[in-house]
């Protein structure tokens, strides 16, 4: 998938653990883990907004388009 999720980077920058983010956003730690790994097909805008509010960031800080990412490492 050419969309890369940089949630782990933002968590590290904010010195926040997945558990704390999950509690603030109101979703499970497992769902945070799935988001971090990029193993989700979609994310609700309200969830994305809650994550951005909790991390004080923009959606573009969390999501990145990399056309070559679809093919994986060479």
C-alpha atoms as a PDB file:
ATOM      1  CA  UNK A   1       0.000   0.000   0.000  1.00  0.00           C
ATOM      2  CA  UNK A   2       1.495   3.358  -0.951  1.00  0.00           C
ATOM      3  CA  UNK A   3       0.087   5.032   2.200  1.00  0.00           C
ATOM      4  CA  UNK A   4       2.550   4.821   5.091  1.00  0.00           C
ATOM      5  CA  UNK A   5       1.357   5.399   8.666  1.00  0.00           C
ATOM      6  CA  UNK A   6       3.837   7.342  10.818  1.00  0.00           C
ATOM      7  CA  UNK A   7       1.903   7.006  14.068  1.00  0.00           C
ATOM      8  CA  UNK A   8       4.865   5.459  15.884  1.00  0.00           C
ATOM      9  CA  UNK A   9       7.012   8.467  14.943  1.00  0.00           C
ATOM     10  CA  UNK A  10       4.466  10.918  16.341  1.00  0.00           C
ATOM     11  CA  UNK A  11       4.062   8.873  19.524  1.00  0.00           C
ATOM     12  CA  UNK A  12       7.828   8.978  20.040  1.00  0.00           C
ATOM     13  CA  UNK A  13       7.964  12.726  19.371  1.00  0.00           C
ATOM     14  CA  UNK A  14       5.220  13.340  21.928  1.00  0.00           C
ATOM     15  CA  UNK A  15       6.740  10.845  24.376  1.00  0.00           C
ATOM     16  CA  UNK A  16       3.405   9.067  24.589  1.00  0.00           C
ATOM     17  CA  UNK A  17       2.690   5.357  24.809  1.00  0.00           C
ATOM     18  CA  UNK A  18       0.122   3.551  22.727  1.00  0.00           C
ATOM     19  CA  UNK A  19      -1.908   2.804  25.845  1.00  0.00           C
ATOM     20  CA  UNK A  20      -2.239   6.490  26.717  1.00  0.00           C
ATOM     21  CA  UNK A  21      -3.229   7.383  23.150  1.00  0.00           C
ATOM     22  CA  UNK A  22      -5.811   4.593  23.100  1.00  0.00           C
ATOM     23  CA  UNK A  23      -7.348   5.896  26.319  1.00  0.00           C
ATOM     24  CA  UNK A  24      -7.449   9.493  25.055  1.00  0.00           C
ATOM     25  CA  UNK A  25      -8.948   8.511  21.694  1.00  0.00           C
ATOM     26  CA  UNK A  26     -11.365   5.908  23.040  1.00  0.00           C
ATOM     27  CA  UNK A  27     -10.188   2.935  20.989  1.00  0.00           C
ATOM     28  CA  UNK A  28      -8.385  -0.245  21.986  1.00  0.00           C
ATOM     29  CA  UNK A  29      -4.629  -0.602  22.217  1.00  0.00           C
ATOM     30  CA  UNK A  30      -4.938  -3.380  19.649  1.00  0.00           C
ATOM     31  CA  UNK A  31      -6.466  -0.942  17.156  1.00  0.00           C
ATOM     32  CA  UNK A  32      -3.626   1.520  17.813  1.00  0.00           C
ATOM     33  CA  UNK A  33      -1.183  -1.314  17.134  1.00  0.00           C
ATOM     34  CA  UNK A  34      -2.939  -2.176  13.876  1.00  0.00           C
ATOM     35  CA  UNK A  35      -2.817   1.472  12.825  1.00  0.00           C
ATOM     36  CA  UNK A  36       0.881   1.711  13.670  1.00  0.00           C
ATOM     37  CA  UNK A  37       1.666  -1.361  11.583  1.00  0.00           C
ATOM     38  CA  UNK A  38      -0.409  -0.144   8.636  1.00  0.00           C
ATOM     39  CA  UNK A  39      -2.529  -3.309   8.697  1.00  0.00           C
ATOM     40  CA  UNK A  40      -5.798  -1.428   8.407  1.00  0.00           C
ATOM     41  CA  UNK A  41      -7.744  -0.678   5.256  1.00  0.00           C
ATOM     42  CA  UNK A  42      -9.193   2.566   6.527  1.00  0.00           C
ATOM     43  CA  UNK A  43      -9.648   4.874   9.455  1.00  0.00           C
ATOM     44  CA  UNK A  44     -12.697   6.930  10.357  1.00  0.00           C
ATOM     45  CA  UNK A  45     -12.268  10.668  10.114  1.00  0.00           C
ATOM     46  CA  UNK A  46     -13.523  11.106  13.672  1.00  0.00           C
ATOM     47  CA  UNK A  47     -10.870   8.653  14.903  1.00  0.00           C
ATOM     48  CA  UNK A  48      -8.199  10.425  12.871  1.00  0.00           C
ATOM     49  CA  UNK A  49      -9.344  13.767  14.295  1.00  0.00           C
ATOM     50  CA  UNK A  50      -9.202  12.405  17.857  1.00  0.00           C
ATOM     51  CA  UNK A  51      -5.677  11.070  17.272  1.00  0.00           C
ATOM     52  CA  UNK A  52      -4.586  14.422  15.844  1.00  0.00           C
ATOM     53  CA  UNK A  53      -6.081  16.239  18.826  1.00  0.00           C
ATOM     54  CA  UNK A  54      -4.387  13.910  21.321  1.00  0.00           C
ATOM     55  CA  UNK A  55      -1.007  14.204  19.570  1.00  0.00           C
ATOM     56  CA  UNK A  56      -1.397  17.888  18.652  1.00  0.00           C
ATOM     57  CA  UNK A  57      -0.612  17.199  15.002  1.00  0.00           C
ATOM     58  CA  UNK A  58      -2.088  17.279  11.503  1.00  0.00           C
ATOM     59  CA  UNK A  59      -3.276  14.240   9.488  1.00  0.00           C
ATOM     60  CA  UNK A  60      -0.300  14.774   7.166  1.00  0.00           C
ATOM     61  CA  UNK A  61       2.006  14.188  10.129  1.00  0.00           C
ATOM     62  CA  UNK A  62       0.531  10.698  10.481  1.00  0.00           C
ATOM     63  CA  UNK A  63      -0.053   9.651   6.875  1.00  0.00           C
ATOM     64  CA  UNK A  64       2.409   9.761   4.015  1.00  0.00           C
ATOM     65  CA  UNK A  65       2.076   8.818   0.356  1.00  0.00           C
ATOM     66  CA  UNK A  66       4.994   6.798  -1.015  1.00  0.00           C
ATOM     67  CA  UNK A  67       4.262   5.448  -4.504  1.00  0.00           C
ATOM     68  CA  UNK A  68       6.989   2.797  -4.304  1.00  0.00           C
ATOM     69  CA  UNK A  69       5.835   1.515  -0.921  1.00  0.00           C
ATOM     70  CA  UNK A  70       3.273  -0.701  -2.661  1.00  0.00           C
ATOM     71  CA  UNK A  71       5.977  -2.912  -4.101  1.00  0.00           C
ATOM     72  CA  UNK A  72       7.941  -3.257  -0.883  1.00  0.00           C
ATOM     73  CA  UNK A  73      11.718  -3.333  -0.511  1.00  0.00           C
ATOM     74  CA  UNK A  74      13.771  -4.354  -3.515  1.00  0.00           C
END
